[in-house]
Amino acid sequence: MVAGTYVLTVGVAWRARVPVVQASLLEPEVLGLVVDTCNEGPEVDLLEEDDEAVRVAVVSTRTFGGSGSGDCQDLLEVHLNASLDERLVVDAISGDLLTVESR
């Protein structure tokens, strides 16, 4: 009972990979990645580039319980080694191909 009350009032947090929900091209060599993490310190955990694709994974703090709502998004800027050009962008967590919006 005490543990349940603690989780509901204080919460439990851990770091884990989270899916990318949106991608945009901010500059030829800069991707903007949107994740549903609400100020929980997201950062790029994996960035692999080759001639055909860019694979990315993002890690963030995840919280269960407590006062956090998790109802906002964060934007990460990812600097590539070369222009994105015609390369595909893949969320390494889900394997999904991300549609990249141009700004």
PDB file of N, CA and C in Angstrom:
ATOM      1  N   MET A   1       0.819  -1.179   0.000  1.00  0.00           N
ATOM      2  CA  MET A   1       0.000   0.000   0.000  1.00  0.00           C
ATOM      3  C   MET A   1       0.875   1.260   0.000  1.00  0.00           C
ATOM      4  N   VAL A   2       1.929   1.253   0.805  1.00  0.00           N
ATOM      5  CA  VAL A   2       2.828   2.397   0.876  1.00  0.00           C
ATOM      6  C   VAL A   2       3.520   2.603  -0.471  1.00  0.00           C
ATOM      7  N   ALA A   3       3.960   1.511  -1.098  1.00  0.00           N
ATOM      8  CA  ALA A   3       4.630   1.608  -2.400  1.00  0.00           C
ATOM      9  C   ALA A   3       3.695   2.174  -3.455  1.00  0.00           C
ATOM     10  N   GLY A   4       2.446   1.745  -3.446  1.00  0.00           N
ATOM     11  CA  GLY A   4       1.466   2.252  -4.408  1.00  0.00           C
ATOM     12  C   GLY A   4       1.210   3.733  -4.220  1.00  0.00           C
ATOM     13  N   THR A   5       1.106   4.170  -3.002  1.00  0.00           N
ATOM     14  CA  THR A   5       0.904   5.584  -2.705  1.00  0.00           C
ATOM     15  C   THR A   5       2.112   6.397  -3.149  1.00  0.00           C
ATOM     16  N   TYR A   6       3.300   5.884  -2.928  1.00  0.00           N
ATOM     17  CA  TYR A   6       4.530   6.564  -3.337  1.00  0.00           C
ATOM     18  C   TYR A   6       4.563   6.748  -4.853  1.00  0.00           C
ATOM     19  N   VAL A   7       4.265   5.684  -5.606  1.00  0.00           N
ATOM     20  CA  VAL A   7       4.280   5.758  -7.062  1.00  0.00           C
ATOM     21  C   VAL A   7       3.273   6.773  -7.566  1.00  0.00           C
ATOM     22  N   LEU A   8       2.083   6.800  -6.990  1.00  0.00           N
ATOM     23  CA  LEU A   8       1.049   7.727  -7.440  1.00  0.00           C
ATOM     24  C   LEU A   8       1.361   9.184  -7.099  1.00  0.00           C
ATOM     25  N   THR A   9       2.037   9.422  -5.995  1.00  0.00           N
ATOM     26  CA  THR A   9       2.298  10.803  -5.586  1.00  0.00           C
ATOM     27  C   THR A   9       3.652  11.320  -6.057  1.00  0.00           C
ATOM     28  N   VAL A  10       4.674  10.495  -6.024  1.00  0.00           N
ATOM     29  CA  VAL A  10       6.022  10.920  -6.389  1.00  0.00           C
ATOM     30  C   VAL A  10       6.374  10.460  -7.803  1.00  0.00           C
ATOM     31  N   GLY A  11       5.992   9.242  -8.131  1.00  0.00           N
ATOM     32  CA  GLY A  11       6.284   8.691  -9.451  1.00  0.00           C
ATOM     33  C   GLY A  11       7.577   7.904  -9.473  1.00  0.00           C
ATOM     34  N   VAL A  12       7.732   7.155 -10.553  1.00  0.00           N
ATOM     35  CA  VAL A  12       8.939   6.368 -10.779  1.00  0.00           C
ATOM     36  C   VAL A  12       9.442   6.746 -12.162  1.00  0.00           C
ATOM     37  N   ALA A  13      10.735   7.038 -12.278  1.00  0.00           N
ATOM     38  CA  ALA A  13      11.291   7.475 -13.557  1.00  0.00           C
ATOM     39  C   ALA A  13      12.435   6.563 -13.985  1.00  0.00           C
ATOM     40  N   TRP A  14      12.602   6.416 -15.303  1.00  0.00           N
ATOM     41  CA  TRP A  14      13.691   5.635 -15.880  1.00  0.00           C
ATOM     42  C   TRP A  14      13.987   6.186 -17.266  1.00  0.00           C
ATOM     43  N   ARG A  15      15.151   5.863 -17.821  1.00  0.00           N
ATOM     44  CA  ARG A  15      15.535   6.287 -19.171  1.00  0.00           C
ATOM     45  C   ARG A  15      15.248   5.142 -20.133  1.00  0.00           C
ATOM     46  N   ALA A  16      14.627   5.480 -21.268  1.00  0.00           N
ATOM     47  CA  ALA A  16      14.297   4.469 -22.273  1.00  0.00           C
ATOM     48  C   ALA A  16      14.188   5.140 -23.641  1.00  0.00           C
ATOM     49  N   ARG A  17      14.275   4.340 -24.673  1.00  0.00           N
ATOM     50  CA  ARG A  17      14.090   4.848 -26.028  1.00  0.00           C
ATOM     51  C   ARG A  17      12.620   5.177 -26.265  1.00  0.00           C
ATOM     52  N   VAL A  18      12.397   6.253 -27.024  1.00  0.00           N
ATOM     53  CA  VAL A  18      11.043   6.711 -27.341  1.00  0.00           C
ATOM     54  C   VAL A  18      10.920   6.879 -28.850  1.00  0.00           C
ATOM     55  N   PRO A  19       9.722   6.688 -29.394  1.00  0.00           N
ATOM     56  CA  PRO A  19       9.550   6.831 -30.841  1.00  0.00           C
ATOM     57  C   PRO A  19       9.595   8.298 -31.285  1.00  0.00           C
ATOM     58  N   VAL A  20      10.059   8.499 -32.507  1.00  0.00           N
ATOM     59  CA  VAL A  20      10.026   9.822 -33.135  1.00  0.00           C
ATOM     60  C   VAL A  20       8.652   9.964 -33.785  1.00  0.00           C
ATOM     61  N   VAL A  21       7.950  11.066 -33.514  1.00  0.00           N
ATOM     62  CA  VAL A  21       6.605  11.243 -34.051  1.00  0.00           C
ATOM     63  C   VAL A  21       6.564  12.147 -35.278  1.00  0.00           C
ATOM     64  N   GLN A  22       7.635  12.926 -35.490  1.00  0.00           N
ATOM     65  CA  GLN A  22       7.667  13.815 -36.649  1.00  0.00           C
ATOM     66  C   GLN A  22       9.110  14.187 -36.946  1.00  0.00           C
ATOM     67  N   ALA A  23       9.416  14.378 -38.239  1.00  0.00           N
ATOM     68  CA  ALA A  23      10.752  14.807 -38.651  1.00  0.00           C
ATOM     69  C   ALA A  23      10.624  15.926 -39.664  1.00  0.00           C
ATOM     70  N   SER A  24      11.531  16.901 -39.576  1.00  0.00           N
ATOM     71  CA  SER A  24      11.549  17.988 -40.554  1.00  0.00           C
ATOM     72  C   SER A  24      13.000  18.338 -40.866  1.00  0.00           C
ATOM     73  N   LEU A  25      13.201  18.875 -42.050  1.00  0.00           N
ATOM     74  CA  LEU A  25      14.526  19.289 -42.472  1.00  0.00           C
ATOM     75  C   LEU A  25      14.671  20.775 -42.160  1.00  0.00           C
ATOM     76  N   LEU A  26      15.469  21.094 -41.140  1.00  0.00           N
ATOM     77  CA  LEU A  26      15.660  22.479 -40.719  1.00  0.00           C
ATOM     78  C   LEU A  26      16.686  23.184 -41.593  1.00  0.00           C
ATOM     79  N   GLU A  27      17.710  22.452 -41.988  1.00  0.00           N
ATOM     80  CA  GLU A  27      18.772  22.894 -42.893  1.00  0.00           C
ATOM     81  C   GLU A  27      19.202  21.653 -43.653  1.00  0.00           C
ATOM     82  N   PRO A  28      19.957  21.793 -44.750  1.00  0.00           N
ATOM     83  CA  PRO A  28      20.335  20.599 -45.518  1.00  0.00           C
ATOM     84  C   PRO A  28      21.012  19.497 -44.689  1.00  0.00           C
ATOM     85  N   GLU A  29      21.710  19.896 -43.614  1.00  0.00           N
ATOM     86  CA  GLU A  29      22.410  18.921 -42.774  1.00  0.00           C
ATOM     87  C   GLU A  29      21.864  18.858 -41.350  1.00  0.00           C
ATOM     88  N   VAL A  30      20.643  19.395 -41.130  1.00  0.00           N
ATOM     89  CA  VAL A  30      20.067  19.406 -39.781  1.00  0.00           C
ATOM     90  C   VAL A  30      18.627  18.910 -39.824  1.00  0.00           C
ATOM     91  N   LEU A  31      18.382  17.823 -39.104  1.00  0.00           N
ATOM     92  CA  LEU A  31      17.028  17.291 -38.947  1.00  0.00           C
ATOM     93  C   LEU A  31      16.432  17.800 -37.645  1.00  0.00           C
ATOM     94  N   GLY A  32      15.141  18.061 -37.657  1.00  0.00           N
ATOM     95  CA  GLY A  32      14.404  18.349 -36.438  1.00  0.00           C
ATOM     96  C   GLY A  32      13.535  17.144 -36.127  1.00  0.00           C
ATOM     97  N   LEU A  33      13.709  16.560 -34.952  1.00  0.00           N
ATOM     98  CA  LEU A  33      12.933  15.381 -34.557  1.00  0.00           C
ATOM     99  C   LEU A  33      12.013  15.746 -33.401  1.00  0.00           C
ATOM    100  N   VAL A  34      10.739  15.412 -33.529  1.00  0.00           N
ATOM    101  CA  VAL A  34       9.756  15.681 -32.479  1.00  0.00           C
ATOM    102  C   VAL A  34       9.444  14.371 -31.755  1.00  0.00           C
ATOM    103  N   VAL A  35       9.493  14.432 -30.419  1.00  0.00           N
ATOM    104  CA  VAL A  35       9.183  13.274 -29.579  1.00  0.00           C
ATOM    105  C   VAL A  35       8.202  13.697 -28.489  1.00  0.00           C
ATOM    106  N   ASP A  36       7.359  12.771 -28.060  1.00  0.00           N
ATOM    107  CA  ASP A  36       6.371  13.030 -27.010  1.00  0.00           C
ATOM    108  C   ASP A  36       6.992  12.801 -25.632  1.00  0.00           C
ATOM    109  N   THR A  37       7.874  13.711 -25.213  1.00  0.00           N
ATOM    110  CA  THR A  37       8.580  13.489 -23.951  1.00  0.00           C
ATOM    111  C   THR A  37       8.366  14.577 -22.903  1.00  0.00           C
ATOM    112  N   CYS A  38       7.828  15.715 -23.267  1.00  0.00           N
ATOM    113  CA  CYS A  38       7.448  16.776 -22.338  1.00  0.00           C
ATOM    114  C   CYS A  38       8.548  17.156 -21.342  1.00  0.00           C
ATOM    115  N   ASN A  39       9.627  17.720 -21.874  1.00  0.00           N
ATOM    116  CA  ASN A  39      10.718  18.255 -21.041  1.00  0.00           C
ATOM    117  C   ASN A  39      11.407  17.205 -20.170  1.00  0.00           C
ATOM    118  N   GLU A  40      11.511  15.993 -20.680  1.00  0.00           N
ATOM    119  CA  GLU A  40      12.129  14.910 -19.905  1.00  0.00           C
ATOM    120  C   GLU A  40      13.555  14.587 -20.373  1.00  0.00           C
ATOM    121  N   GLY A  41      14.231  15.575 -20.980  1.00  0.00           N
ATOM    122  CA  GLY A  41      15.641  15.412 -21.327  1.00  0.00           C
ATOM    123  C   GLY A  41      15.918  14.463 -22.478  1.00  0.00           C
ATOM    124  N   PRO A  42      15.172  14.551 -23.575  1.00  0.00           N
ATOM    125  CA  PRO A  42      15.452  13.649 -24.693  1.00  0.00           C
ATOM    126  C   PRO A  42      16.801  13.953 -25.341  1.00  0.00           C
ATOM    127  N   GLU A  43      17.455  12.916 -25.827  1.00  0.00           N
ATOM    128  CA  GLU A  43      18.711  13.082 -26.555  1.00  0.00           C
ATOM    129  C   GLU A  43      18.868  11.939 -27.551  1.00  0.00           C
ATOM    130  N   VAL A  44      19.659  12.196 -28.579  1.00  0.00           N
ATOM    131  CA  VAL A  44      19.896  11.178 -29.597  1.00  0.00           C
ATOM    132  C   VAL A  44      20.741  10.072 -28.987  1.00  0.00           C
ATOM    133  N   ASP A  45      20.266   8.848 -29.109  1.00  0.00           N
ATOM    134  CA  ASP A  45      20.936   7.672 -28.562  1.00  0.00           C
ATOM    135  C   ASP A  45      21.668   6.909 -29.667  1.00  0.00           C
ATOM    136  N   LEU A  46      21.198   7.064 -30.899  1.00  0.00           N
ATOM    137  CA  LEU A  46      21.785   6.353 -32.033  1.00  0.00           C
ATOM    138  C   LEU A  46      21.633   7.223 -33.269  1.00  0.00           C
ATOM    139  N   LEU A  47      22.706   7.378 -34.028  1.00  0.00           N
ATOM    140  CA  LEU A  47      22.674   8.071 -35.306  1.00  0.00           C
ATOM    141  C   LEU A  47      23.603   7.331 -36.242  1.00  0.00           C
ATOM    142  N   GLU A  48      23.020   6.655 -37.215  1.00  0.00           N
ATOM    143  CA  GLU A  48      23.782   5.911 -38.216  1.00  0.00           C
ATOM    144  C   GLU A  48      23.443   6.466 -39.589  1.00  0.00           C
ATOM    145  N   GLU A  49      24.465   6.796 -40.346  1.00  0.00           N
ATOM    146  CA  GLU A  49      24.259   7.355 -41.685  1.00  0.00           C
ATOM    147  C   GLU A  49      25.007   6.514 -42.716  1.00  0.00           C
ATOM    148  N   ASP A  50      24.364   6.296 -43.853  1.00  0.00           N
ATOM    149  CA  ASP A  50      25.042   5.744 -45.016  1.00  0.00           C
ATOM    150  C   ASP A  50      24.488   6.446 -46.249  1.00  0.00           C
ATOM    151  N   ASP A  51      24.820   5.969 -47.428  1.00  0.00           N
ATOM    152  CA  ASP A  51      24.412   6.639 -48.666  1.00  0.00           C
ATOM    153  C   ASP A  51      22.909   6.580 -48.913  1.00  0.00           C
ATOM    154  N   GLU A  52      22.222   5.615 -48.292  1.00  0.00           N
ATOM    155  CA  GLU A  52      20.799   5.420 -48.560  1.00  0.00           C
ATOM    156  C   GLU A  52      19.872   5.901 -47.448  1.00  0.00           C
ATOM    157  N   ALA A  53      20.344   5.903 -46.206  1.00  0.00           N
ATOM    158  CA  ALA A  53      19.434   6.187 -45.101  1.00  0.00           C
ATOM    159  C   ALA A  53      20.153   6.790 -43.899  1.00  0.00           C
ATOM    160  N   VAL A  54      19.351   7.442 -43.066  1.00  0.00           N
ATOM    161  CA  VAL A  54      19.774   7.929 -41.758  1.00  0.00           C
ATOM    162  C   VAL A  54      18.877   7.227 -40.737  1.00  0.00           C
ATOM    163  N   ARG A  55      19.486   6.498 -39.792  1.00  0.00           N
ATOM    164  CA  ARG A  55      18.740   5.806 -38.751  1.00  0.00           C
ATOM    165  C   ARG A  55      18.990   6.528 -37.427  1.00  0.00           C
ATOM    166  N   VAL A  56      17.883   6.843 -36.741  1.00  0.00           N
ATOM    167  CA  VAL A  56      17.988   7.582 -35.487  1.00  0.00           C
ATOM    168  C   VAL A  56      17.180   6.890 -34.392  1.00  0.00           C
ATOM    169  N   ALA A  57      17.667   7.043 -33.178  1.00  0.00           N
ATOM    170  CA  ALA A  57      16.923   6.601 -31.993  1.00  0.00           C
ATOM    171  C   ALA A  57      17.101   7.678 -30.935  1.00  0.00           C
ATOM    172  N   VAL A  58      16.044   7.914 -30.178  1.00  0.00           N
ATOM    173  CA  VAL A  58      16.045   8.935 -29.134  1.00  0.00           C
ATOM    174  C   VAL A  58      15.755   8.259 -27.801  1.00  0.00           C
ATOM    175  N   VAL A  59      16.472   8.693 -26.763  1.00  0.00           N
ATOM    176  CA  VAL A  59      16.248   8.197 -25.410  1.00  0.00           C
ATOM    177  C   VAL A  59      15.789   9.376 -24.551  1.00  0.00           C
ATOM    178  N   SER A  60      14.911   9.088 -23.594  1.00  0.00           N
ATOM    179  CA  SER A  60      14.387  10.135 -22.716  1.00  0.00           C
ATOM    180  C   SER A  60      13.993   9.520 -21.384  1.00  0.00           C
ATOM    181  N   THR A  61      13.825  10.370 -20.401  1.00  0.00           N
ATOM    182  CA  THR A  61      13.298   9.911 -19.119  1.00  0.00           C
ATOM    183  C   THR A  61      11.808   9.632 -19.299  1.00  0.00           C
ATOM    184  N   ARG A  62      11.361   8.535 -18.777  1.00  0.00           N
ATOM    185  CA  ARG A  62       9.942   8.167 -18.798  1.00  0.00           C
ATOM    186  C   ARG A  62       9.485   8.135 -17.353  1.00  0.00           C
ATOM    187  N   THR A  63       8.287   8.607 -17.086  1.00  0.00           N
ATOM    188  CA  THR A  63       7.778   8.683 -15.717  1.00  0.00           C
ATOM    189  C   THR A  63       6.419   8.009 -15.627  1.00  0.00           C
ATOM    190  N   PHE A  64       6.234   7.218 -14.594  1.00  0.00           N
ATOM    191  CA  PHE A  64       4.940   6.622 -14.295  1.00  0.00           C
ATOM    192  C   PHE A  64       4.496   7.177 -12.955  1.00  0.00           C
ATOM    193  N   GLY A  65       3.303   7.772 -12.929  1.00  0.00           N
ATOM    194  CA  GLY A  65       2.788   8.350 -11.688  1.00  0.00           C
ATOM    195  C   GLY A  65       3.375   9.725 -11.437  1.00  0.00           C
ATOM    196  N   GLY A  66       3.127  10.265 -10.283  1.00  0.00           N
ATOM    197  CA  GLY A  66       3.634  11.584  -9.936  1.00  0.00           C
ATOM    198  C   GLY A  66       2.850  12.687 -10.624  1.00  0.00           C
ATOM    199  N   SER A  67       3.402  13.901 -10.574  1.00  0.00           N
ATOM    200  CA  SER A  67       2.675  15.059 -11.077  1.00  0.00           C
ATOM    201  C   SER A  67       2.918  15.339 -12.554  1.00  0.00           C
ATOM    202  N   GLY A  68       3.875  14.680 -13.186  1.00  0.00           N
ATOM    203  CA  GLY A  68       4.156  14.926 -14.600  1.00  0.00           C
ATOM    204  C   GLY A  68       3.002  14.498 -15.477  1.00  0.00           C
ATOM    205  N   SER A  69       2.767  15.290 -16.552  1.00  0.00           N
ATOM    206  CA  SER A  69       1.614  14.979 -17.396  1.00  0.00           C
ATOM    207  C   SER A  69       2.010  14.321 -18.705  1.00  0.00           C
ATOM    208  N   GLY A  70       3.206  14.602 -19.225  1.00  0.00           N
ATOM    209  CA  GLY A  70       3.631  13.995 -20.471  1.00  0.00           C
ATOM    210  C   GLY A  70       2.792  14.400 -21.658  1.00  0.00           C
ATOM    211  N   ASP A  71       2.160  15.582 -21.594  1.00  0.00           N
ATOM    212  CA  ASP A  71       1.257  15.974 -22.670  1.00  0.00           C
ATOM    213  C   ASP A  71       1.839  17.063 -23.575  1.00  0.00           C
ATOM    214  N   CYS A  72       3.161  17.138 -23.688  1.00  0.00           N
ATOM    215  CA  CYS A  72       3.772  18.093 -24.609  1.00  0.00           C
ATOM    216  C   CYS A  72       4.910  17.400 -25.356  1.00  0.00           C
ATOM    217  N   GLN A  73       5.459  18.094 -26.326  1.00  0.00           N
ATOM    218  CA  GLN A  73       6.489  17.504 -27.177  1.00  0.00           C
ATOM    219  C   GLN A  73       7.790  18.296 -27.072  1.00  0.00           C
ATOM    220  N   ASP A  74       8.879  17.627 -27.418  1.00  0.00           N
ATOM    221  CA  ASP A  74      10.196  18.257 -27.477  1.00  0.00           C
ATOM    222  C   ASP A  74      10.733  18.147 -28.895  1.00  0.00           C
ATOM    223  N   LEU A  75      11.560  19.115 -29.288  1.00  0.00           N
ATOM    224  CA  LEU A  75      12.213  19.129 -30.590  1.00  0.00           C
ATOM    225  C   LEU A  75      13.709  18.971 -30.384  1.00  0.00           C
ATOM    226  N   LEU A  76      14.293  17.998 -31.062  1.00  0.00           N
ATOM    227  CA  LEU A  76      15.740  17.798 -31.026  1.00  0.00           C
ATOM    228  C   LEU A  76      16.306  18.162 -32.390  1.00  0.00           C
ATOM    229  N   GLU A  77      17.429  18.864 -32.402  1.00  0.00           N
ATOM    230  CA  GLU A  77      18.138  19.144 -33.639  1.00  0.00           C
ATOM    231  C   GLU A  77      19.248  18.113 -33.783  1.00  0.00           C
ATOM    232  N   VAL A  78      19.271  17.443 -34.926  1.00  0.00           N
ATOM    233  CA  VAL A  78      20.261  16.404 -35.193  1.00  0.00           C
ATOM    234  C   VAL A  78      21.126  16.859 -36.355  1.00  0.00           C
ATOM    235  N   HIS A  79      22.414  17.030 -36.101  1.00  0.00           N
ATOM    236  CA  HIS A  79      23.349  17.475 -37.128  1.00  0.00           C
ATOM    237  C   HIS A  79      23.936  16.257 -37.846  1.00  0.00           C
ATOM    238  N   LEU A  80      23.706  16.196 -39.144  1.00  0.00           N
ATOM    239  CA  LEU A  80      24.171  15.091 -39.967  1.00  0.00           C
ATOM    240  C   LEU A  80      25.583  15.352 -40.480  1.00  0.00           C
ATOM    241  N   ASN A  81      26.260  14.293 -40.884  1.00  0.00           N
ATOM    242  CA  ASN A  81      27.604  14.411 -41.447  1.00  0.00           C
ATOM    243  C   ASN A  81      27.576  14.956 -42.867  1.00  0.00           C
ATOM    244  N   ALA A  82      26.442  14.807 -43.549  1.00  0.00           N
ATOM    245  CA  ALA A  82      26.281  15.272 -44.925  1.00  0.00           C
ATOM    246  C   ALA A  82      24.823  15.671 -45.124  1.00  0.00           C
ATOM    247  N   SER A  83      24.548  16.393 -46.201  1.00  0.00           N
ATOM    248  CA  SER A  83      23.174  16.785 -46.510  1.00  0.00           C
ATOM    249  C   SER A  83      22.277  15.568 -46.611  1.00  0.00           C
ATOM    250  N   LEU A  84      21.040  15.718 -46.177  1.00  0.00           N
ATOM    251  CA  LEU A  84      20.094  14.606 -46.241  1.00  0.00           C
ATOM    252  C   LEU A  84      19.811  14.207 -47.682  1.00  0.00           C
ATOM    253  N   ASP A  85      19.648  15.191 -48.567  1.00  0.00           N
ATOM    254  CA  ASP A  85      19.353  14.953 -49.980  1.00  0.00           C
ATOM    255  C   ASP A  85      18.209  13.957 -50.127  1.00  0.00           C
ATOM    256  N   GLU A  86      18.439  12.867 -50.835  1.00  0.00           N
ATOM    257  CA  GLU A  86      17.388  11.877 -51.110  1.00  0.00           C
ATOM    258  C   GLU A  86      17.390  10.703 -50.127  1.00  0.00           C
ATOM    259  N   ARG A  87      18.236  10.781 -49.098  1.00  0.00           N
ATOM    260  CA  ARG A  87      18.296   9.666 -48.143  1.00  0.00           C
ATOM    261  C   ARG A  87      17.001   9.551 -47.351  1.00  0.00           C
ATOM    262  N   LEU A  88      16.685   8.333 -46.954  1.00  0.00           N
ATOM    263  CA  LEU A  88      15.517   8.059 -46.123  1.00  0.00           C
ATOM    264  C   LEU A  88      15.879   8.286 -44.661  1.00  0.00           C
ATOM    265  N   VAL A  89      14.871   8.583 -43.840  1.00  0.00           N
ATOM    266  CA  VAL A  89      15.070   8.707 -42.392  1.00  0.00           C
ATOM    267  C   VAL A  89      14.224   7.629 -41.728  1.00  0.00           C
ATOM    268  N   VAL A  90      14.882   6.819 -40.898  1.00  0.00           N
ATOM    269  CA  VAL A  90      14.236   5.670 -40.273  1.00  0.00           C
ATOM    270  C   VAL A  90      14.327   5.791 -38.754  1.00  0.00           C
ATOM    271  N   ASP A  91      13.187   5.585 -38.082  1.00  0.00           N
ATOM    272  CA  ASP A  91      13.170   5.505 -36.623  1.00  0.00           C
ATOM    273  C   ASP A  91      13.707   4.119 -36.256  1.00  0.00           C
ATOM    274  N   ALA A  92      14.894   4.080 -35.665  1.00  0.00           N
ATOM    275  CA  ALA A  92      15.548   2.799 -35.363  1.00  0.00           C
ATOM    276  C   ALA A  92      14.783   1.981 -34.326  1.00  0.00           C
ATOM    277  N   ILE A  93      13.916   2.599 -33.554  1.00  0.00           N
ATOM    278  CA  ILE A  93      13.153   1.866 -32.542  1.00  0.00           C
ATOM    279  C   ILE A  93      12.061   1.032 -33.195  1.00  0.00           C
ATOM    280  N   SER A  94      11.265   1.679 -34.033  1.00  0.00           N
ATOM    281  CA  SER A  94      10.125   0.995 -34.661  1.00  0.00           C
ATOM    282  C   SER A  94      10.454   0.419 -36.030  1.00  0.00           C
ATOM    283  N   GLY A  95      11.505   0.935 -36.661  1.00  0.00           N
ATOM    284  CA  GLY A  95      11.810   0.541 -38.028  1.00  0.00           C
ATOM    285  C   GLY A  95      10.979   1.301 -39.054  1.00  0.00           C
ATOM    286  N   ASP A  96      10.142   2.236 -38.572  1.00  0.00           N
ATOM    287  CA  ASP A  96       9.276   3.000 -39.460  1.00  0.00           C
ATOM    288  C   ASP A  96      10.063   4.036 -40.254  1.00  0.00           C
ATOM    289  N   LEU A  97       9.670   4.207 -41.506  1.00  0.00           N
ATOM    290  CA  LEU A  97      10.201   5.239 -42.357  1.00  0.00           C
ATOM    291  C   LEU A  97       9.494   6.547 -41.993  1.00  0.00           C
ATOM    292  N   LEU A  98      10.263   7.591 -41.700  1.00  0.00           N
ATOM    293  CA  LEU A  98       9.688   8.875 -41.312  1.00  0.00           C
ATOM    294  C   LEU A  98       9.544   9.791 -42.517  1.00  0.00           C
ATOM    295  N   THR A  99       8.407  10.421 -42.645  1.00  0.00           N
ATOM    296  CA  THR A  99       8.205  11.436 -43.672  1.00  0.00           C
ATOM    297  C   THR A  99       8.897  12.705 -43.177  1.00  0.00           C
ATOM    298  N   VAL A 100       9.787  13.251 -43.982  1.00  0.00           N
ATOM    299  CA  VAL A 100      10.531  14.445 -43.588  1.00  0.00           C
ATOM    300  C   VAL A 100       9.899  15.658 -44.258  1.00  0.00           C
ATOM    301  N   GLU A 101       9.394  16.557 -43.436  1.00  0.00           N
ATOM    302  CA  GLU A 101       8.801  17.789 -43.933  1.00  0.00           C
ATOM    303  C   GLU A 101       9.894  18.822 -44.163  1.00  0.00           C
ATOM    304  N   SER A 102       9.801  19.567 -45.242  1.00  0.00           N
ATOM    305  CA  SER A 102      10.755  20.638 -45.509  1.00  0.00           C
ATOM    306  C   SER A 102      10.234  21.933 -44.921  1.00  0.00           C
ATOM    307  N   ARG A 103      11.127  22.753 -44.420  1.00  0.00           N
ATOM    308  CA  ARG A 103      10.715  24.041 -43.838  1.00  0.00           C
ATOM    309  C   ARG A 103      11.022  25.150 -44.783  1.00  0.00           C
TER     310      ARG A 103
END
